[in-house]
C-alpha atoms as a PDB file:
ATOM      1  CA  MET A   1     -16.766 -17.003  17.694  1.00  0.00           C
ATOM      2  CA  ASP A   2     -12.863 -18.303  18.210  1.00  0.00           C
ATOM      3  CA  THR A   3     -12.505 -18.261  21.042  1.00  0.00           C
ATOM      4  CA  ALA A   4      -8.202 -18.360  20.804  1.00  0.00           C
ATOM      5  CA  ALA A   5      -7.869 -15.907  18.127  1.00  0.00           C
ATOM      6  CA  SER A   6     -10.976 -13.095  19.514  1.00  0.00           C
ATOM      7  CA  THR A   7      -8.626 -13.723  23.472  1.00  0.00           C
ATOM      8  CA  GLY A   8      -7.753 -10.233  25.226  1.00  0.00           C
ATOM      9  CA  LEU A   9      -9.749  -8.252  21.535  1.00  0.00           C
ATOM     10  CA  THR A  10     -11.308  -4.910  22.016  1.00  0.00           C
ATOM     11  CA  PHE A  11     -13.454  -4.157  19.249  1.00  0.00           C
ATOM     12  CA  ARG A  12     -13.976   0.499  19.110  1.00  0.00           C
ATOM     13  CA  ASP A  13     -14.255   3.220  15.869  1.00  0.00           C
ATOM     14  CA  ALA A  14     -11.150   5.298  15.238  1.00  0.00           C
ATOM     15  CA  THR A  15     -10.004   8.192  16.322  1.00  0.00           C
ATOM     16  CA  ASP A  16      -7.970  11.031  14.355  1.00  0.00           C
ATOM     17  CA  GLY A  17      -4.896   9.855  16.842  1.00  0.00           C
ATOM     18  CA  ASP A  18      -5.435   6.298  15.577  1.00  0.00           C
ATOM     19  CA  VAL A  19      -4.787   7.720  11.953  1.00  0.00           C
ATOM     20  CA  ASP A  20      -0.810   7.042  11.904  1.00  0.00           C
ATOM     21  CA  ALA A  21      -0.751   3.801  13.763  1.00  0.00           C
ATOM     22  CA  LEU A  22      -3.737   2.475  11.390  1.00  0.00           C
ATOM     23  CA  VAL A  23      -1.696   3.423   8.852  1.00  0.00           C
ATOM     24  CA  ALA A  24       1.161   1.329   9.655  1.00  0.00           C
ATOM     25  CA  LEU A  25      -0.716  -1.809  10.140  1.00  0.00           C
ATOM     26  CA  ILE A  26      -2.655  -1.233   6.635  1.00  0.00           C
ATOM     27  CA  GLU A  27       1.149  -0.745   4.909  1.00  0.00           C
ATOM     28  CA  SER A  28       2.620  -3.678   7.326  1.00  0.00           C
ATOM     29  CA  ALA A  29      -0.402  -5.960   5.703  1.00  0.00           C
ATOM     30  CA  TYR A  30      -0.475  -5.375   2.331  1.00  0.00           C
ATOM     31  CA  ARG A  31       2.472  -3.473   0.805  1.00  0.00           C
ATOM     32  CA  GLY A  32       6.648  -4.252   0.952  1.00  0.00           C
ATOM     33  CA  GLU A  33       8.896  -6.752   2.687  1.00  0.00           C
ATOM     34  CA  ALA A  34       6.620  -6.600   5.471  1.00  0.00           C
ATOM     35  CA  SER A  35       3.915  -7.990   4.123  1.00  0.00           C
ATOM     36  CA  ARG A  36       5.275 -11.235   3.196  1.00  0.00           C
ATOM     37  CA  GLY A  37       5.316 -11.828   7.003  1.00  0.00           C
ATOM     38  CA  GLY A  38       1.584 -12.944   6.433  1.00  0.00           C
ATOM     39  CA  TRP A  39      -0.662 -13.983   3.142  1.00  0.00           C
ATOM     40  CA  THR A  40      -2.335 -11.462   2.496  1.00  0.00           C
ATOM     41  CA  THR A  41       0.315  -9.502   0.714  1.00  0.00           C
ATOM     42  CA  GLU A  42       0.548  -7.583  -2.505  1.00  0.00           C
ATOM     43  CA  ALA A  43       3.678  -7.002  -3.104  1.00  0.00           C
ATOM     44  CA  ASP A  44       4.158  -8.654  -6.200  1.00  0.00           C
ATOM     45  CA  ILE A  45       1.586  -7.073  -7.462  1.00  0.00           C
ATOM     46  CA  LEU A  46       1.525  -3.291  -6.128  1.00  0.00           C
ATOM     47  CA  GLU A  47       4.619  -1.161  -5.269  1.00  0.00           C
ATOM     48  CA  GLY A  48       4.019   2.267  -3.604  1.00  0.00           C
ATOM     49  CA  GLN A  49       1.546   2.943  -0.945  1.00  0.00           C
ATOM     50  CA  ARG A  50      -1.998   0.648  -0.405  1.00  0.00           C
ATOM     51  CA  THR A  51      -2.631   4.462   1.909  1.00  0.00           C
ATOM     52  CA  ASP A  52      -1.845   7.623   3.201  1.00  0.00           C
ATOM     53  CA  PRO A  53      -2.759   9.476   6.891  1.00  0.00           C
ATOM     54  CA  GLU A  54      -5.324  11.912   4.310  1.00  0.00           C
ATOM     55  CA  GLY A  55      -7.233   8.778   3.500  1.00  0.00           C
ATOM     56  CA  VAL A  56      -7.510   6.993   6.579  1.00  0.00           C
ATOM     57  CA  LEU A  57      -8.868  10.346   8.292  1.00  0.00           C
ATOM     58  CA  ALA A  58     -11.228  10.777   5.732  1.00  0.00           C
ATOM     59  CA  VAL A  59     -12.716   7.332   6.621  1.00  0.00           C
ATOM     60  CA  VAL A  60     -12.953   8.014  10.557  1.00  0.00           C
ATOM     61  CA  LYS A  61     -14.369  11.564   9.361  1.00  0.00           C
ATOM     62  CA  ALA A  62     -17.319  10.507   7.243  1.00  0.00           C
ATOM     63  CA  PRO A  63     -20.986  10.424   7.926  1.00  0.00           C
ATOM     64  CA  ASP A  64     -22.095   7.017   8.022  1.00  0.00           C
ATOM     65  CA  SER A  65     -18.280   5.533   8.419  1.00  0.00           C
ATOM     66  CA  ARG A  66     -16.883   3.486  10.750  1.00  0.00           C
ATOM     67  CA  LEU A  67     -13.648   2.450  11.027  1.00  0.00           C
ATOM     68  CA  LEU A  68     -13.306  -0.318  13.252  1.00  0.00           C
ATOM     69  CA  THR A  69     -10.144  -0.652  15.304  1.00  0.00           C
ATOM     70  CA  VAL A  70      -9.298  -3.985  16.971  1.00  0.00           C
ATOM     71  CA  GLU A  71      -6.654  -3.805  19.894  1.00  0.00           C
ATOM     72  CA  ARG A  72      -4.876  -6.496  21.995  1.00  0.00           C
ATOM     73  CA  ASP A  73      -2.427  -5.917  25.025  1.00  0.00           C
ATOM     74  CA  GLY A  74      -3.354  -2.160  24.428  1.00  0.00           C
ATOM     75  CA  ALA A  75      -1.976  -2.678  20.357  1.00  0.00           C
ATOM     76  CA  ILE A  76      -3.659  -1.399  17.262  1.00  0.00           C
ATOM     77  CA  VAL A  77      -3.654  -5.282  15.452  1.00  0.00           C
ATOM     78  CA  ALA A  78      -6.441  -4.956  13.132  1.00  0.00           C
ATOM     79  CA  CYS A  79      -9.166  -2.472  11.177  1.00  0.00           C
ATOM     80  CA  CYS A  80     -11.721  -2.976   8.633  1.00  0.00           C
ATOM     81  CA  GLN A  81     -13.858  -0.255   7.346  1.00  0.00           C
ATOM     82  CA  LEU A  82     -17.347   0.135   7.743  1.00  0.00           C
ATOM     83  CA  GLU A  83     -19.255   2.305   5.703  1.00  0.00           C
ATOM     84  CA  HIS A  84     -23.500   2.609   5.156  1.00  0.00           C
ATOM     85  CA  ARG A  85     -24.443   2.597   1.468  1.00  0.00           C
ATOM     86  CA  GLY A  86     -28.504   2.584   1.282  1.00  0.00           C
ATOM     87  CA  ASP A  87     -29.263  -0.443   1.397  1.00  0.00           C
ATOM     88  CA  HIS A  88     -26.296  -2.182   2.233  1.00  0.00           C
ATOM     89  CA  ALA A  89     -22.968  -1.755   4.019  1.00  0.00           C
ATOM     90  CA  TYR A  90     -19.338  -1.425   2.218  1.00  0.00           C
ATOM     91  CA  PHE A  91     -16.436  -3.532   3.947  1.00  0.00           C
ATOM     92  CA  GLY A  92     -12.840  -2.430   3.065  1.00  0.00           C
ATOM     93  CA  MET A  93      -9.443  -1.364   4.822  1.00  0.00           C
ATOM     94  CA  PHE A  94      -9.301  -4.967   6.166  1.00  0.00           C
ATOM     95  CA  ALA A  95      -6.096  -5.279   7.497  1.00  0.00           C
ATOM     96  CA  VAL A  96      -4.697  -7.401  10.153  1.00  0.00           C
ATOM     97  CA  SER A  97      -1.094  -7.802  11.387  1.00  0.00           C
ATOM     98  CA  PRO A  98       1.199  -9.246   9.251  1.00  0.00           C
ATOM     99  CA  GLY A  99       1.999 -11.495  12.124  1.00  0.00           C
ATOM    100  CA  LEU A 100      -0.806 -12.928  13.621  1.00  0.00           C
ATOM    101  CA  GLN A 101      -2.629 -13.765  10.122  1.00  0.00           C
ATOM    102  CA  GLY A 102      -3.258 -17.347   9.353  1.00  0.00           C
ATOM    103  CA  GLY A 103      -4.501 -17.542  12.980  1.00  0.00           C
ATOM    104  CA  GLY A 104      -8.305 -17.233  12.586  1.00  0.00           C
ATOM    105  CA  LEU A 105      -7.968 -13.181  13.826  1.00  0.00           C
ATOM    106  CA  GLY A 106      -9.613 -12.213  10.463  1.00  0.00           C
ATOM    107  CA  LYS A 107     -12.659 -14.721  10.792  1.00  0.00           C
ATOM    108  CA  VAL A 108     -13.464 -13.169  13.625  1.00  0.00           C
ATOM    109  CA  ILE A 109     -13.241  -8.991  12.776  1.00  0.00           C
ATOM    110  CA  ILE A 110     -15.521  -9.906   9.739  1.00  0.00           C
ATOM    111  CA  ALA A 111     -18.090 -11.442  11.790  1.00  0.00           C
ATOM    112  CA  GLU A 112     -17.914  -8.644  14.336  1.00  0.00           C
ATOM    113  CA  ALA A 113     -18.510  -6.344  10.618  1.00  0.00           C
ATOM    114  CA  GLU A 114     -21.330  -8.252   9.782  1.00  0.00           C
ATOM    115  CA  ARG A 115     -22.761  -8.673  12.852  1.00  0.00           C
ATOM    116  CA  THR A 116     -21.963  -4.699  13.843  1.00  0.00           C
ATOM    117  CA  ALA A 117     -23.524  -3.470  10.395  1.00  0.00           C
ATOM    118  CA  ARG A 118     -26.096  -5.338  10.285  1.00  0.00           C
ATOM    119  CA  GLU A 119     -26.866  -3.657  14.470  1.00  0.00           C
ATOM    120  CA  THR A 120     -25.899  -0.142  13.118  1.00  0.00           C
ATOM    121  CA  TRP A 121     -27.479   0.212  10.209  1.00  0.00           C
ATOM    122  CA  GLY A 122     -30.072  -2.825   9.530  1.00  0.00           C
ATOM    123  CA  ILE A 123     -28.802  -3.698   5.846  1.00  0.00           C
ATOM    124  CA  SER A 124     -28.900  -7.164   4.663  1.00  0.00           C
ATOM    125  CA  GLU A 125     -25.923  -7.544   2.058  1.00  0.00           C
ATOM    126  CA  MET A 126     -22.606  -6.482   2.694  1.00  0.00           C
ATOM    127  CA  HIS A 127     -20.661  -5.707  -0.583  1.00  0.00           C
ATOM    128  CA  MET A 128     -16.901  -5.677  -0.828  1.00  0.00           C
ATOM    129  CA  THR A 129     -14.222  -5.325  -4.317  1.00  0.00           C
ATOM    130  CA  VAL A 130     -10.716  -7.247  -4.146  1.00  0.00           C
ATOM    131  CA  ILE A 131      -8.426  -7.261  -6.676  1.00  0.00           C
ATOM    132  CA  SER A 132      -9.540 -10.320  -8.987  1.00  0.00           C
ATOM    133  CA  VAL A 133      -6.272 -11.425  -9.538  1.00  0.00           C
ATOM    134  CA  ARG A 134      -5.801 -12.579  -5.799  1.00  0.00           C
ATOM    135  CA  ASP A 135      -7.494 -15.735  -6.188  1.00  0.00           C
ATOM    136  CA  ASP A 136      -6.213 -17.163  -2.343  1.00  0.00           C
ATOM    137  CA  LEU A 137      -7.776 -13.540  -0.752  1.00  0.00           C
ATOM    138  CA  ILE A 138     -11.466 -14.356  -3.077  1.00  0.00           C
ATOM    139  CA  ALA A 139     -11.645 -18.139  -1.625  1.00  0.00           C
ATOM    140  CA  TRP A 140     -11.011 -16.597   1.872  1.00  0.00           C
ATOM    141  CA  TYR A 141     -13.812 -14.184   1.311  1.00  0.00           C
ATOM    142  CA  GLU A 142     -16.152 -17.198  -0.321  1.00  0.00           C
ATOM    143  CA  ARG A 143     -15.435 -19.285   2.978  1.00  0.00           C
ATOM    144  CA  ARG A 144     -16.799 -16.238   5.177  1.00  0.00           C
ATOM    145  CA  GLY A 145     -20.203 -16.583   2.662  1.00  0.00           C
ATOM    146  CA  TYR A 146     -19.190 -13.839  -0.045  1.00  0.00           C
ATOM    147  CA  ARG A 147     -19.849 -14.821  -3.248  1.00  0.00           C
ATOM    148  CA  ARG A 148     -18.290 -13.491  -7.241  1.00  0.00           C
ATOM    149  CA  THR A 149     -20.546 -11.365  -9.054  1.00  0.00           C
ATOM    150  CA  GLY A 150     -18.736 -11.331 -11.989  1.00  0.00           C
ATOM    151  CA  ARG A 151     -18.475  -7.391 -12.098  1.00  0.00           C
ATOM    152  CA  MET A 152     -16.126  -5.123 -12.307  1.00  0.00           C
ATOM    153  CA  THR A 153     -14.703  -2.102 -11.985  1.00  0.00           C
ATOM    154  CA  PRO A 154     -11.168  -0.793 -13.199  1.00  0.00           C
ATOM    155  CA  PHE A 155      -7.675  -0.417 -10.814  1.00  0.00           C
ATOM    156  CA  PRO A 156      -6.559   3.494 -10.501  1.00  0.00           C
ATOM    157  CA  TYR A 157      -4.161   3.721 -12.616  1.00  0.00           C
ATOM    158  CA  GLY A 158      -1.916   6.306 -12.717  1.00  0.00           C
ATOM    159  CA  ASP A 159      -3.022   6.626  -9.102  1.00  0.00           C
ATOM    160  CA  GLU A 160       0.190   6.307  -7.222  1.00  0.00           C
ATOM    161  CA  ARG A 161      -2.043   6.871  -3.964  1.00  0.00           C
ATOM    162  CA  PHE A 162      -3.262   3.551  -4.544  1.00  0.00           C
ATOM    163  CA  GLY A 163      -0.158   2.182  -5.288  1.00  0.00           C
ATOM    164  CA  ILE A 164       1.999   1.274  -8.853  1.00  0.00           C
ATOM    165  CA  PRO A 165       1.289  -1.245 -10.675  1.00  0.00           C
ATOM    166  CA  GLN A 166       3.489  -4.002 -11.034  1.00  0.00           C
ATOM    167  CA  ARG A 167       1.184  -6.164 -13.753  1.00  0.00           C
ATOM    168  CA  ASP A 168      -1.632  -4.526 -15.983  1.00  0.00           C
ATOM    169  CA  ASP A 169      -4.618  -6.468 -15.710  1.00  0.00           C
ATOM    170  CA  LEU A 170      -5.718  -5.078 -12.193  1.00  0.00           C
ATOM    171  CA  GLN A 171      -9.466  -4.994 -11.611  1.00  0.00           C
ATOM    172  CA  PHE A 172     -11.734  -4.607  -8.632  1.00  0.00           C
ATOM    173  CA  GLU A 173     -14.337  -8.092  -8.549  1.00  0.00           C
ATOM    174  CA  LEU A 174     -17.056  -6.612  -6.340  1.00  0.00           C
ATOM    175  CA  LEU A 175     -17.936  -9.964  -3.970  1.00  0.00           C
ATOM    176  CA  VAL A 176     -21.778  -9.923  -2.052  1.00  0.00           C
ATOM    177  CA  LYS A 177     -22.841 -11.482   0.944  1.00  0.00           C
ATOM    178  CA  PRO A 178     -26.554 -11.436   2.316  1.00  0.00           C
ATOM    179  CA  LEU A 179     -26.792 -10.790   6.122  1.00  0.00           C
ATOM    180  CA  VAL A 180     -29.113 -12.476   7.158  1.00  0.00           C
END
């Protein structure tokens, strides 16, 4: 574990009371001008919202799902969704506060998420989907051991709950990592 990046971190499951702070975190990491402070911004490909309180609460309440919340000095600085899906877990809703991106925190969180999924559910593989045009983000996941599968699913064009696309070639690619 990256000692400097992990200093003072607390990992816990999100509660109903965290929803508004988590929505603000996720939005700041991906959309609008605030997201440009980090490297994970989607502001050039999607406008509008990334998520909403109903979507975050649904993850918090879902059976076989956890919204891992990361705090430093009592403030929520990151989060990720873990969902048990039979023989694998799904990793999603990953957000790190833009001002903390690039310092190794993401590596620490994804490693903890993988450990948690493996120990909690006994699974041996993690799945995630990433917008296929996000080459920088996909490369980051590949450096963490994820591999591209070439399996695509359509972006939900017309459903503004997921944002307003600024281009017509968006789709999600499945990335997979064995957790052995």
